[in-house]
């Protein structure tokens, strides 16, 4: 159970890194594009919502597996 806890902790960190990179890339792309966007660049932050849900699930599972290992 301890290894599952560590795996979910690492997965949560990796998801947060990917989330930051993806949101920043899309924000910059929308802000500096020559095409006319129908939405403001701040809508790129809505891409973070599925990542935040996944990170929360990973953290909860890491806590549960950590308690079962103890």
N, C-alpha and C. Protein backbone atom coordinates (compact mmCIF):
# COMPACT_ATOMS: atom_id res chain seq x y z
N UNK A 1 0.82 -1.20 0.00
CA UNK A 1 0.00 0.00 0.00
C UNK A 1 0.86 1.26 0.00
N UNK A 2 2.04 1.16 0.60
CA UNK A 2 2.92 2.33 0.65
C UNK A 2 3.38 2.72 -0.75
N UNK A 3 3.63 1.73 -1.61
CA UNK A 3 4.06 2.06 -2.97
C UNK A 3 2.95 2.72 -3.77
N UNK A 4 1.71 2.31 -3.54
CA UNK A 4 0.60 2.97 -4.22
C UNK A 4 0.46 4.41 -3.78
N UNK A 5 0.70 4.66 -2.52
CA UNK A 5 0.65 6.02 -2.01
C UNK A 5 1.71 6.89 -2.69
N UNK A 6 2.90 6.35 -2.83
CA UNK A 6 3.98 7.10 -3.48
C UNK A 6 3.68 7.32 -4.96
N UNK A 7 3.12 6.31 -5.62
CA UNK A 7 2.78 6.44 -7.03
C UNK A 7 1.76 7.55 -7.25
N UNK A 8 0.74 7.61 -6.40
CA UNK A 8 -0.27 8.65 -6.56
C UNK A 8 0.26 10.03 -6.19
N UNK A 9 1.21 10.10 -5.28
CA UNK A 9 1.85 11.39 -4.98
C UNK A 9 2.63 11.88 -6.18
N UNK A 10 3.39 11.00 -6.80
CA UNK A 10 4.17 11.38 -7.98
C UNK A 10 3.25 11.75 -9.13
N UNK A 11 2.16 11.01 -9.29
CA UNK A 11 1.20 11.32 -10.35
C UNK A 11 0.56 12.69 -10.15
N UNK A 12 0.27 13.05 -8.91
CA UNK A 12 -0.32 14.36 -8.64
C UNK A 12 0.67 15.48 -9.00
N UNK A 13 1.94 15.29 -8.70
CA UNK A 13 2.95 16.30 -9.05
C UNK A 13 3.11 16.41 -10.56
N UNK A 14 3.13 15.27 -11.24
CA UNK A 14 3.26 15.30 -12.70
C UNK A 14 2.05 15.96 -13.35
N UNK A 15 0.87 15.68 -12.85
CA UNK A 15 -0.33 16.32 -13.39
C UNK A 15 -0.30 17.83 -13.19
N UNK A 16 0.19 18.28 -12.05
CA UNK A 16 0.25 19.72 -11.82
C UNK A 16 1.25 20.38 -12.76
N UNK A 17 2.38 19.71 -13.05
CA UNK A 17 3.35 20.27 -13.98
C UNK A 17 2.78 20.35 -15.40
N UNK A 18 2.11 19.30 -15.83
CA UNK A 18 1.50 19.30 -17.16
C UNK A 18 0.40 20.35 -17.24
N UNK A 19 -0.38 20.50 -16.17
CA UNK A 19 -1.44 21.50 -16.16
C UNK A 19 -0.86 22.90 -16.33
N UNK A 20 0.18 23.21 -15.58
CA UNK A 20 0.79 24.54 -15.68
C UNK A 20 1.32 24.81 -17.09
N UNK A 21 1.98 23.83 -17.67
CA UNK A 21 2.54 24.00 -19.00
C UNK A 21 1.45 24.18 -20.05
N UNK A 22 0.40 23.38 -19.99
CA UNK A 22 -0.66 23.45 -20.97
C UNK A 22 -1.45 24.75 -20.88
N UNK A 23 -1.78 25.16 -19.67
CA UNK A 23 -2.54 26.40 -19.50
C UNK A 23 -1.70 27.60 -19.93
N UNK A 24 -0.42 27.62 -19.57
CA UNK A 24 0.43 28.74 -19.97
C UNK A 24 0.61 28.80 -21.48
N UNK A 25 0.77 27.64 -22.10
CA UNK A 25 0.94 27.62 -23.56
C UNK A 25 -0.31 28.12 -24.27
N UNK A 26 -1.47 27.65 -23.83
CA UNK A 26 -2.72 28.09 -24.45
C UNK A 26 -3.00 29.56 -24.18
N UNK A 27 -2.67 30.05 -23.00
CA UNK A 27 -2.88 31.46 -22.68
C UNK A 27 -2.02 32.34 -23.59
N UNK A 28 -0.76 31.98 -23.72
CA UNK A 28 0.14 32.77 -24.58
C UNK A 28 -0.29 32.68 -26.04
N UNK A 29 -0.73 31.51 -26.47
CA UNK A 29 -1.19 31.34 -27.84
C UNK A 29 -2.41 32.20 -28.11
N UNK A 30 -3.34 32.24 -27.18
CA UNK A 30 -4.55 33.05 -27.37
C UNK A 30 -4.25 34.54 -27.28
N UNK A 31 -3.29 34.90 -26.44
CA UNK A 31 -2.99 36.32 -26.25
C UNK A 31 -2.23 36.91 -27.43
N UNK A 32 -1.35 36.11 -28.02
CA UNK A 32 -0.49 36.66 -29.07
C UNK A 32 -0.87 36.21 -30.47
N UNK A 33 -2.01 35.58 -30.64
CA UNK A 33 -2.36 35.09 -31.97
C UNK A 33 -2.80 36.26 -32.85
N UNK A 34 -2.49 36.12 -34.11
CA UNK A 34 -2.87 37.16 -35.06
C UNK A 34 -4.34 37.03 -35.46
N UNK A 35 -4.90 35.88 -35.23
CA UNK A 35 -6.30 35.68 -35.55
C UNK A 35 -7.17 36.31 -34.47
N UNK A 36 -8.36 36.68 -34.85
CA UNK A 36 -9.28 37.26 -33.89
C UNK A 36 -9.95 36.13 -33.12
N UNK A 37 -9.79 36.16 -31.81
CA UNK A 37 -10.40 35.14 -30.97
C UNK A 37 -11.78 35.62 -30.52
N UNK A 38 -12.68 34.67 -30.40
CA UNK A 38 -14.01 35.03 -29.93
C UNK A 38 -14.08 35.06 -28.41
N UNK A 39 -13.03 34.61 -27.75
CA UNK A 39 -13.00 34.59 -26.29
C UNK A 39 -11.71 35.25 -25.80
N UNK A 40 -11.76 35.82 -24.62
CA UNK A 40 -10.53 36.43 -24.09
C UNK A 40 -9.52 35.36 -23.69
N UNK A 41 -8.24 35.73 -23.61
CA UNK A 41 -7.21 34.75 -23.26
C UNK A 41 -7.41 34.12 -21.88
N UNK A 42 -8.11 34.80 -20.99
CA UNK A 42 -8.31 34.25 -19.65
C UNK A 42 -9.16 32.98 -19.65
N UNK A 43 -9.83 32.68 -20.74
CA UNK A 43 -10.60 31.44 -20.81
C UNK A 43 -9.70 30.22 -20.88
N UNK A 44 -8.41 30.42 -21.12
CA UNK A 44 -7.47 29.29 -21.12
C UNK A 44 -7.38 28.65 -19.74
N UNK A 45 -7.72 29.40 -18.71
CA UNK A 45 -7.66 28.86 -17.35
C UNK A 45 -8.75 27.81 -17.09
N UNK A 46 -9.77 27.75 -17.94
CA UNK A 46 -10.78 26.71 -17.79
C UNK A 46 -10.20 25.32 -18.10
N UNK A 47 -9.08 25.28 -18.81
CA UNK A 47 -8.43 24.00 -19.07
C UNK A 47 -7.86 23.37 -17.81
N UNK A 48 -7.70 24.15 -16.77
CA UNK A 48 -7.13 23.63 -15.53
C UNK A 48 -8.14 22.81 -14.73
N UNK A 49 -9.42 22.97 -14.99
CA UNK A 49 -10.45 22.31 -14.18
C UNK A 49 -10.33 20.79 -14.19
N UNK A 50 -10.21 20.13 -15.37
CA UNK A 50 -10.08 18.66 -15.33
C UNK A 50 -8.78 18.21 -14.64
N UNK A 51 -7.72 18.99 -14.81
CA UNK A 51 -6.47 18.65 -14.14
C UNK A 51 -6.61 18.77 -12.63
N UNK A 52 -7.29 19.80 -12.16
CA UNK A 52 -7.48 19.98 -10.72
C UNK A 52 -8.30 18.84 -10.12
N UNK A 53 -9.29 18.36 -10.85
CA UNK A 53 -10.08 17.22 -10.38
C UNK A 53 -9.19 15.98 -10.29
N UNK A 54 -8.37 15.75 -11.32
CA UNK A 54 -7.47 14.61 -11.30
C UNK A 54 -6.44 14.69 -10.18
N UNK A 55 -5.92 15.89 -9.93
CA UNK A 55 -4.95 16.08 -8.85
C UNK A 55 -5.61 15.81 -7.51
N UNK A 56 -6.84 16.29 -7.34
CA UNK A 56 -7.56 16.06 -6.08
C UNK A 56 -7.79 14.57 -5.85
N UNK A 57 -8.17 13.85 -6.89
CA UNK A 57 -8.38 12.40 -6.77
C UNK A 57 -7.08 11.70 -6.39
N UNK A 58 -5.98 12.09 -7.03
CA UNK A 58 -4.68 11.48 -6.72
C UNK A 58 -4.26 11.75 -5.28
N UNK A 59 -4.48 12.96 -4.81
CA UNK A 59 -4.12 13.30 -3.43
C UNK A 59 -4.96 12.50 -2.44
N UNK A 60 -6.25 12.40 -2.71
CA UNK A 60 -7.13 11.64 -1.82
C UNK A 60 -6.73 10.17 -1.79
N UNK A 61 -6.44 9.60 -2.96
CA UNK A 61 -6.02 8.20 -3.00
C UNK A 61 -4.68 8.00 -2.31
N UNK A 62 -3.77 8.95 -2.45
CA UNK A 62 -2.47 8.84 -1.78
C UNK A 62 -2.65 8.86 -0.26
N UNK A 63 -3.55 9.69 0.22
CA UNK A 63 -3.81 9.76 1.66
C UNK A 63 -4.45 8.45 2.15
N UNK A 64 -5.42 7.94 1.40
CA UNK A 64 -6.10 6.71 1.80
C UNK A 64 -5.12 5.54 1.83
N UNK A 65 -4.31 5.41 0.79
CA UNK A 65 -3.35 4.30 0.75
C UNK A 65 -2.25 4.49 1.79
N UNK A 66 -1.90 5.74 2.10
CA UNK A 66 -0.90 5.99 3.13
C UNK A 66 -1.41 5.60 4.50
N UNK A 67 -2.69 5.87 4.77
CA UNK A 67 -3.27 5.48 6.06
C UNK A 67 -3.42 3.97 6.18
N UNK A 68 -3.75 3.30 5.06
CA UNK A 68 -3.89 1.85 5.11
C UNK A 68 -2.54 1.18 5.30
N UNK A 69 -1.46 1.82 4.84
CA UNK A 69 -0.13 1.24 5.00
C UNK A 69 0.37 1.39 6.43
N UNK A 70 -0.13 2.39 7.13
CA UNK A 70 0.37 2.63 8.50
C UNK A 70 -0.29 1.74 9.53
